[in-house]
Amino acid sequence: MRDCEPGVVTEVRDVPHITHVSNIQHRFTGVVVSLVSDTITINDTTVVRDVVRHPGAVAVVALRRVDEQWQILMVSQYRHPMQQVCVELPAGLRDIENEDAEDCARRELLEETGYVAGRMEVLLRSATTPGGSDEIITTFWTHDVSWQGVQQTAEAEELSMSAMWVPLEVAAAAAMTGSLCNQTAQAGIFAVTRKIS
């Protein structure tokens, strides 16, 4: 820490920084994630940092305009770690080897909602928990979707998943009040609201 008042900067961005890792202990390997303990030296201090290794994920902000009102496509799904049904963006793991992020997003959108996207763009790349995990979620956005029908690939929690169109301002209000607490959904809603305004 500096012993002076911080100044103002006009540009902010994350900067890659490689730190020497002197030891890696593999603690756990699960179905989706693994846990390692890295021994690193940073600022002349050696410390151990636990890191959750994650394959990454994608999410889709799909919009449509009805009667001069933007609507966002969302899904509700049971999330066991939270022990609640969460309202989220269509999303999924990047767990198919060599699958492109956009292809993964298109597949998840179709599987979870029955919609096919035309043109898509990257809206955000987000580190979900950079202090403890390497998970990156790439969020795409589109306002070019058409109904194709839900694919019969659902299992476990996805069997009770439902899709819904929500007025964008209703979704934004829910994100602001915390009644919708999924951070990927919150970030996507806020980012797309700014993008289209």
C-alpha atoms as a PDB file:
ATOM      1  CA  MET A   1       0.000   0.000   0.000  1.00  0.00           C
ATOM      2  CA  ARG A   2       1.147   3.489  -0.716  1.00  0.00           C
ATOM      3  CA  ASP A   3       1.246   6.022   2.038  1.00  0.00           C
ATOM      4  CA  CYS A   4      -0.412   8.765   0.008  1.00  0.00           C
ATOM      5  CA  GLU A   5      -3.826   9.668  -1.314  1.00  0.00           C
ATOM      6  CA  PRO A   6      -4.722   7.907  -4.595  1.00  0.00           C
ATOM      7  CA  GLY A   7      -4.913   9.912  -7.782  1.00  0.00           C
ATOM      8  CA  VAL A   8      -7.423   9.845 -10.627  1.00  0.00           C
ATOM      9  CA  VAL A   9      -6.883   7.637 -13.674  1.00  0.00           C
ATOM     10  CA  THR A  10      -8.665   7.927 -17.003  1.00  0.00           C
ATOM     11  CA  GLU A  11      -8.350   4.299 -18.099  1.00  0.00           C
ATOM     12  CA  VAL A  12      -8.736   1.091 -16.117  1.00  0.00           C
ATOM     13  CA  ARG A  13      -8.034  -2.478 -17.166  1.00  0.00           C
ATOM     14  CA  ASP A  14      -6.766  -5.736 -15.781  1.00  0.00           C
ATOM     15  CA  VAL A  15      -3.126  -6.504 -16.574  1.00  0.00           C
ATOM     16  CA  PRO A  16      -1.688 -10.028 -16.907  1.00  0.00           C
ATOM     17  CA  HIS A  17       0.892 -10.739 -14.211  1.00  0.00           C
ATOM     18  CA  ILE A  18       2.723 -14.044 -13.915  1.00  0.00           C
ATOM     19  CA  THR A  19       3.735 -14.950 -10.360  1.00  0.00           C
ATOM     20  CA  HIS A  20       6.245 -17.681  -9.594  1.00  0.00           C
ATOM     21  CA  VAL A  21       4.478 -20.821  -8.356  1.00  0.00           C
ATOM     22  CA  SER A  22       6.931 -22.964  -6.390  1.00  0.00           C
ATOM     23  CA  ASN A  23       4.525 -25.768  -5.477  1.00  0.00           C
ATOM     24  CA  ILE A  24       1.070 -27.011  -6.503  1.00  0.00           C
ATOM     25  CA  GLN A  25      -0.870 -29.391  -4.276  1.00  0.00           C
ATOM     26  CA  HIS A  26      -3.917 -31.041  -5.852  1.00  0.00           C
ATOM     27  CA  ARG A  27      -6.538 -31.183  -3.107  1.00  0.00           C
ATOM     28  CA  PHE A  28      -9.720 -32.285  -4.877  1.00  0.00           C
ATOM     29  CA  THR A  29     -11.016 -33.177  -8.318  1.00  0.00           C
ATOM     30  CA  GLY A  30     -14.778 -33.105  -8.801  1.00  0.00           C
ATOM     31  CA  VAL A  31     -17.239 -33.451 -11.643  1.00  0.00           C
ATOM     32  CA  VAL A  32     -16.832 -29.805 -12.710  1.00  0.00           C
ATOM     33  CA  VAL A  33     -14.151 -28.144 -10.585  1.00  0.00           C
ATOM     34  CA  SER A  34     -10.871 -29.007  -8.928  1.00  0.00           C
ATOM     35  CA  LEU A  35      -9.108 -27.413  -5.974  1.00  0.00           C
ATOM     36  CA  VAL A  36      -5.386 -26.772  -5.808  1.00  0.00           C
ATOM     37  CA  SER A  37      -3.173 -25.036  -3.265  1.00  0.00           C
ATOM     38  CA  ASP A  38      -0.514 -22.926  -4.991  1.00  0.00           C
ATOM     39  CA  THR A  39       2.582 -21.778  -3.119  1.00  0.00           C
ATOM     40  CA  ILE A  40       3.507 -18.411  -4.608  1.00  0.00           C
ATOM     41  CA  THR A  41       5.983 -15.648  -3.938  1.00  0.00           C
ATOM     42  CA  ILE A  42       4.625 -12.156  -4.353  1.00  0.00           C
ATOM     43  CA  ASN A  43       6.217  -8.937  -3.098  1.00  0.00           C
ATOM     44  CA  ASP A  44       9.007 -10.999  -1.497  1.00  0.00           C
ATOM     45  CA  THR A  45       6.496 -12.950   0.593  1.00  0.00           C
ATOM     46  CA  THR A  46       5.750 -16.666   0.165  1.00  0.00           C
ATOM     47  CA  VAL A  47       2.102 -17.591   0.713  1.00  0.00           C
ATOM     48  CA  VAL A  48      -0.292 -20.447  -0.089  1.00  0.00           C
ATOM     49  CA  ARG A  49      -3.414 -19.632  -2.095  1.00  0.00           C
ATOM     50  CA  ASP A  50      -6.269 -22.089  -2.629  1.00  0.00           C
ATOM     51  CA  VAL A  51      -7.587 -21.881  -6.184  1.00  0.00           C
ATOM     52  CA  VAL A  52     -10.738 -23.432  -7.633  1.00  0.00           C
ATOM     53  CA  ARG A  53      -9.992 -24.467 -11.221  1.00  0.00           C
ATOM     54  CA  HIS A  54     -13.073 -24.135 -13.427  1.00  0.00           C
ATOM     55  CA  PRO A  55     -13.640 -24.806 -17.147  1.00  0.00           C
ATOM     56  CA  GLY A  56     -15.439 -21.489 -17.613  1.00  0.00           C
ATOM     57  CA  ALA A  57     -18.977 -20.774 -18.724  1.00  0.00           C
ATOM     58  CA  VAL A  58     -21.118 -18.757 -21.104  1.00  0.00           C
ATOM     59  CA  ALA A  59     -24.347 -16.813 -20.705  1.00  0.00           C
ATOM     60  CA  VAL A  60     -26.714 -15.185 -23.187  1.00  0.00           C
ATOM     61  CA  VAL A  61     -28.616 -11.915 -22.919  1.00  0.00           C
ATOM     62  CA  ALA A  62     -31.374 -12.409 -25.498  1.00  0.00           C
ATOM     63  CA  LEU A  63     -33.635  -9.416 -26.084  1.00  0.00           C
ATOM     64  CA  ARG A  64     -36.766  -8.747 -28.076  1.00  0.00           C
ATOM     65  CA  ARG A  65     -38.814  -5.594 -28.505  1.00  0.00           C
ATOM     66  CA  VAL A  66     -42.578  -5.847 -28.030  1.00  0.00           C
ATOM     67  CA  ASP A  67     -44.833  -2.764 -28.119  1.00  0.00           C
ATOM     68  CA  GLU A  68     -41.871  -0.394 -27.656  1.00  0.00           C
ATOM     69  CA  GLN A  69     -40.675  -2.367 -24.623  1.00  0.00           C
ATOM     70  CA  TRP A  70     -37.479  -4.403 -24.383  1.00  0.00           C
ATOM     71  CA  GLN A  71     -37.884  -7.878 -22.919  1.00  0.00           C
ATOM     72  CA  ILE A  72     -35.097 -10.207 -21.770  1.00  0.00           C
ATOM     73  CA  LEU A  73     -35.214 -14.000 -21.976  1.00  0.00           C
ATOM     74  CA  MET A  74     -34.558 -15.611 -18.592  1.00  0.00           C
ATOM     75  CA  VAL A  75     -34.773 -19.077 -17.074  1.00  0.00           C
ATOM     76  CA  SER A  76     -35.643 -20.295 -13.602  1.00  0.00           C
ATOM     77  CA  GLN A  77     -33.675 -23.248 -12.294  1.00  0.00           C
ATOM     78  CA  TYR A  78     -33.047 -24.945  -8.954  1.00  0.00           C
ATOM     79  CA  ARG A  79     -29.501 -24.243  -7.719  1.00  0.00           C
ATOM     80  CA  HIS A  80     -28.496 -26.643  -4.986  1.00  0.00           C
ATOM     81  CA  PRO A  81     -25.626 -24.595  -3.458  1.00  0.00           C
ATOM     82  CA  MET A  82     -28.119 -21.739  -2.921  1.00  0.00           C
ATOM     83  CA  GLN A  83     -31.008 -24.113  -2.091  1.00  0.00           C
ATOM     84  CA  GLN A  84     -33.400 -22.008  -4.100  1.00  0.00           C
ATOM     85  CA  VAL A  85     -34.868 -21.620  -7.549  1.00  0.00           C
ATOM     86  CA  CYS A  86     -32.880 -18.836  -9.198  1.00  0.00           C
ATOM     87  CA  VAL A  87     -33.895 -16.627 -12.109  1.00  0.00           C
ATOM     88  CA  GLU A  88     -30.929 -16.407 -14.452  1.00  0.00           C
ATOM     89  CA  LEU A  89     -29.771 -15.848 -17.985  1.00  0.00           C
ATOM     90  CA  PRO A  90     -29.601 -18.930 -20.199  1.00  0.00           C
ATOM     91  CA  ALA A  91     -26.101 -20.206 -19.447  1.00  0.00           C
ATOM     92  CA  GLY A  92     -23.886 -23.233 -19.215  1.00  0.00           C
ATOM     93  CA  LEU A  93     -20.456 -24.697 -18.679  1.00  0.00           C
ATOM     94  CA  ARG A  94     -17.728 -24.738 -21.292  1.00  0.00           C
ATOM     95  CA  ASP A  95     -17.280 -28.430 -20.701  1.00  0.00           C
ATOM     96  CA  ILE A  96     -17.039 -29.708 -24.281  1.00  0.00           C
ATOM     97  CA  GLU A  97     -13.406 -29.883 -25.343  1.00  0.00           C
ATOM     98  CA  ASN A  98     -12.434 -27.384 -28.083  1.00  0.00           C
ATOM     99  CA  GLU A  99     -15.965 -25.929 -28.283  1.00  0.00           C
ATOM    100  CA  ASP A 100     -15.880 -22.250 -29.185  1.00  0.00           C
ATOM    101  CA  ALA A 101     -17.488 -19.925 -26.606  1.00  0.00           C
ATOM    102  CA  GLU A 102     -20.061 -18.608 -29.087  1.00  0.00           C
ATOM    103  CA  ASP A 103     -20.974 -22.129 -30.223  1.00  0.00           C
ATOM    104  CA  CYS A 104     -21.400 -23.093 -26.573  1.00  0.00           C
ATOM    105  CA  ALA A 105     -23.645 -20.058 -25.983  1.00  0.00           C
ATOM    106  CA  ARG A 106     -25.801 -20.911 -29.007  1.00  0.00           C
ATOM    107  CA  ARG A 107     -26.125 -24.523 -27.858  1.00  0.00           C
ATOM    108  CA  GLU A 108     -27.082 -23.539 -24.302  1.00  0.00           C
ATOM    109  CA  LEU A 109     -29.633 -20.981 -25.526  1.00  0.00           C
ATOM    110  CA  LEU A 110     -31.332 -23.608 -27.689  1.00  0.00           C
ATOM    111  CA  GLU A 111     -31.192 -26.371 -25.055  1.00  0.00           C
ATOM    112  CA  GLU A 112     -32.530 -24.209 -22.231  1.00  0.00           C
ATOM    113  CA  THR A 113     -35.064 -22.015 -24.026  1.00  0.00           C
ATOM    114  CA  GLY A 114     -35.833 -23.405 -27.485  1.00  0.00           C
ATOM    115  CA  TYR A 115     -34.599 -20.190 -29.145  1.00  0.00           C
ATOM    116  CA  VAL A 116     -31.988 -19.913 -31.881  1.00  0.00           C
ATOM    117  CA  ALA A 117     -29.889 -16.755 -32.120  1.00  0.00           C
ATOM    118  CA  GLY A 118     -28.909 -14.995 -35.308  1.00  0.00           C
ATOM    119  CA  ARG A 119     -26.130 -12.453 -34.832  1.00  0.00           C
ATOM    120  CA  MET A 120     -24.458 -12.508 -31.394  1.00  0.00           C
ATOM    121  CA  GLU A 121     -21.786 -10.286 -29.866  1.00  0.00           C
ATOM    122  CA  VAL A 122     -19.689 -10.550 -26.737  1.00  0.00           C
ATOM    123  CA  LEU A 123     -21.183  -8.271 -24.100  1.00  0.00           C
ATOM    124  CA  LEU A 124     -18.937  -9.082 -21.110  1.00  0.00           C
ATOM    125  CA  ARG A 125     -16.127 -11.303 -19.905  1.00  0.00           C
ATOM    126  CA  SER A 126     -16.388 -11.653 -16.141  1.00  0.00           C
ATOM    127  CA  ALA A 127     -14.204 -13.279 -13.501  1.00  0.00           C
ATOM    128  CA  THR A 128     -16.782 -14.566 -11.030  1.00  0.00           C
ATOM    129  CA  THR A 129     -14.544 -14.827  -7.960  1.00  0.00           C
ATOM    130  CA  PRO A 130     -11.014 -13.694  -8.906  1.00  0.00           C
ATOM    131  CA  GLY A 131      -9.729 -14.037  -5.351  1.00  0.00           C
ATOM    132  CA  GLY A 132     -10.358 -17.769  -5.323  1.00  0.00           C
ATOM    133  CA  SER A 133     -11.295 -19.133  -8.758  1.00  0.00           C
ATOM    134  CA  ASP A 134     -10.113 -18.899 -12.367  1.00  0.00           C
ATOM    135  CA  GLU A 135     -13.687 -19.133 -13.725  1.00  0.00           C
ATOM    136  CA  ILE A 136     -14.424 -16.748 -16.584  1.00  0.00           C
ATOM    137  CA  ILE A 137     -17.973 -16.292 -17.873  1.00  0.00           C
ATOM    138  CA  THR A 138     -18.325 -14.908 -21.379  1.00  0.00           C
ATOM    139  CA  THR A 139     -21.722 -13.249 -21.777  1.00  0.00           C
ATOM    140  CA  PHE A 140     -23.073 -12.752 -25.277  1.00  0.00           C
ATOM    141  CA  TRP A 141     -26.001 -10.603 -26.324  1.00  0.00           C
ATOM    142  CA  THR A 142     -28.431 -10.771 -29.200  1.00  0.00           C
ATOM    143  CA  HIS A 143     -31.708  -9.192 -30.220  1.00  0.00           C
ATOM    144  CA  ASP A 144     -32.120 -11.614 -33.110  1.00  0.00           C
ATOM    145  CA  VAL A 145     -33.805 -14.779 -31.815  1.00  0.00           C
ATOM    146  CA  SER A 146     -36.366 -17.136 -33.286  1.00  0.00           C
ATOM    147  CA  TRP A 147     -38.313 -19.985 -31.708  1.00  0.00           C
ATOM    148  CA  GLN A 148     -37.278 -23.481 -32.748  1.00  0.00           C
ATOM    149  CA  GLY A 149     -38.531 -25.591 -29.842  1.00  0.00           C
ATOM    150  CA  VAL A 150     -36.912 -27.038 -26.756  1.00  0.00           C
ATOM    151  CA  GLN A 151     -34.464 -29.879 -27.309  1.00  0.00           C
ATOM    152  CA  GLN A 152     -34.981 -33.032 -25.241  1.00  0.00           C
ATOM    153  CA  THR A 153     -31.514 -33.079 -23.644  1.00  0.00           C
ATOM    154  CA  ALA A 154     -32.484 -31.951 -20.143  1.00  0.00           C
ATOM    155  CA  GLU A 155     -31.493 -33.874 -17.037  1.00  0.00           C
ATOM    156  CA  ALA A 156     -31.537 -33.409 -13.247  1.00  0.00           C
ATOM    157  CA  GLU A 157     -32.275 -29.746 -12.333  1.00  0.00           C
ATOM    158  CA  GLU A 158     -32.853 -28.822 -15.980  1.00  0.00           C
ATOM    159  CA  LEU A 159     -35.958 -31.042 -16.100  1.00  0.00           C
ATOM    160  CA  SER A 160     -37.859 -28.435 -14.056  1.00  0.00           C
ATOM    161  CA  MET A 161     -36.259 -25.408 -15.738  1.00  0.00           C
ATOM    162  CA  SER A 162     -38.635 -22.919 -17.332  1.00  0.00           C
ATOM    163  CA  ALA A 163     -37.994 -20.010 -19.682  1.00  0.00           C
ATOM    164  CA  MET A 164     -39.771 -16.655 -19.587  1.00  0.00           C
ATOM    165  CA  TRP A 165     -39.669 -13.230 -21.208  1.00  0.00           C
ATOM    166  CA  VAL A 166     -39.321 -10.457 -18.616  1.00  0.00           C
ATOM    167  CA  PRO A 167     -39.600  -6.708 -19.281  1.00  0.00           C
ATOM    168  CA  LEU A 168     -36.008  -5.446 -19.088  1.00  0.00           C
ATOM    169  CA  GLU A 169     -36.875  -2.728 -16.587  1.00  0.00           C
ATOM    170  CA  VAL A 170     -38.537  -5.323 -14.314  1.00  0.00           C
ATOM    171  CA  ALA A 171     -35.416  -7.502 -14.494  1.00  0.00           C
ATOM    172  CA  ALA A 172     -33.193  -4.480 -13.759  1.00  0.00           C
ATOM    173  CA  ALA A 173     -35.300  -3.539 -10.736  1.00  0.00           C
ATOM    174  CA  ALA A 174     -35.117  -7.131  -9.431  1.00  0.00           C
ATOM    175  CA  ALA A 175     -31.334  -7.098  -9.869  1.00  0.00           C
ATOM    176  CA  MET A 176     -31.039  -3.768  -8.026  1.00  0.00           C
ATOM    177  CA  THR A 177     -33.135  -4.889  -5.053  1.00  0.00           C
ATOM    178  CA  GLY A 178     -31.396  -8.249  -4.760  1.00  0.00           C
ATOM    179  CA  SER A 179     -34.528 -10.297  -5.413  1.00  0.00           C
ATOM    180  CA  LEU A 180     -32.571 -11.591  -8.405  1.00  0.00           C
ATOM    181  CA  CYS A 181     -29.131 -12.377  -6.972  1.00  0.00           C
ATOM    182  CA  ASN A 182     -27.277 -14.189  -9.784  1.00  0.00           C
ATOM    183  CA  GLN A 183     -24.306 -11.904 -10.477  1.00  0.00           C
ATOM    184  CA  THR A 184     -23.973 -12.989 -14.113  1.00  0.00           C
ATOM    185  CA  ALA A 185     -27.601 -12.043 -14.694  1.00  0.00           C
ATOM    186  CA  GLN A 186     -27.158  -8.756 -12.828  1.00  0.00           C
ATOM    187  CA  ALA A 187     -24.072  -7.811 -14.846  1.00  0.00           C
ATOM    188  CA  GLY A 188     -25.689  -8.819 -18.132  1.00  0.00           C
ATOM    189  CA  ILE A 189     -28.866  -6.867 -17.397  1.00  0.00           C
ATOM    190  CA  PHE A 190     -26.971  -3.714 -16.408  1.00  0.00           C
ATOM    191  CA  ALA A 191     -24.529  -3.943 -19.325  1.00  0.00           C
ATOM    192  CA  VAL A 192     -27.189  -4.485 -21.984  1.00  0.00           C
ATOM    193  CA  THR A 193     -29.349  -1.699 -20.508  1.00  0.00           C
ATOM    194  CA  ARG A 194     -26.429   0.677 -20.959  1.00  0.00           C
ATOM    195  CA  LYS A 195     -25.656  -0.681 -24.431  1.00  0.00           C
ATOM    196  CA  ILE A 196     -29.162  -0.129 -25.820  1.00  0.00           C
ATOM    197  CA  SER A 197     -29.783   3.252 -24.146  1.00  0.00           C
END
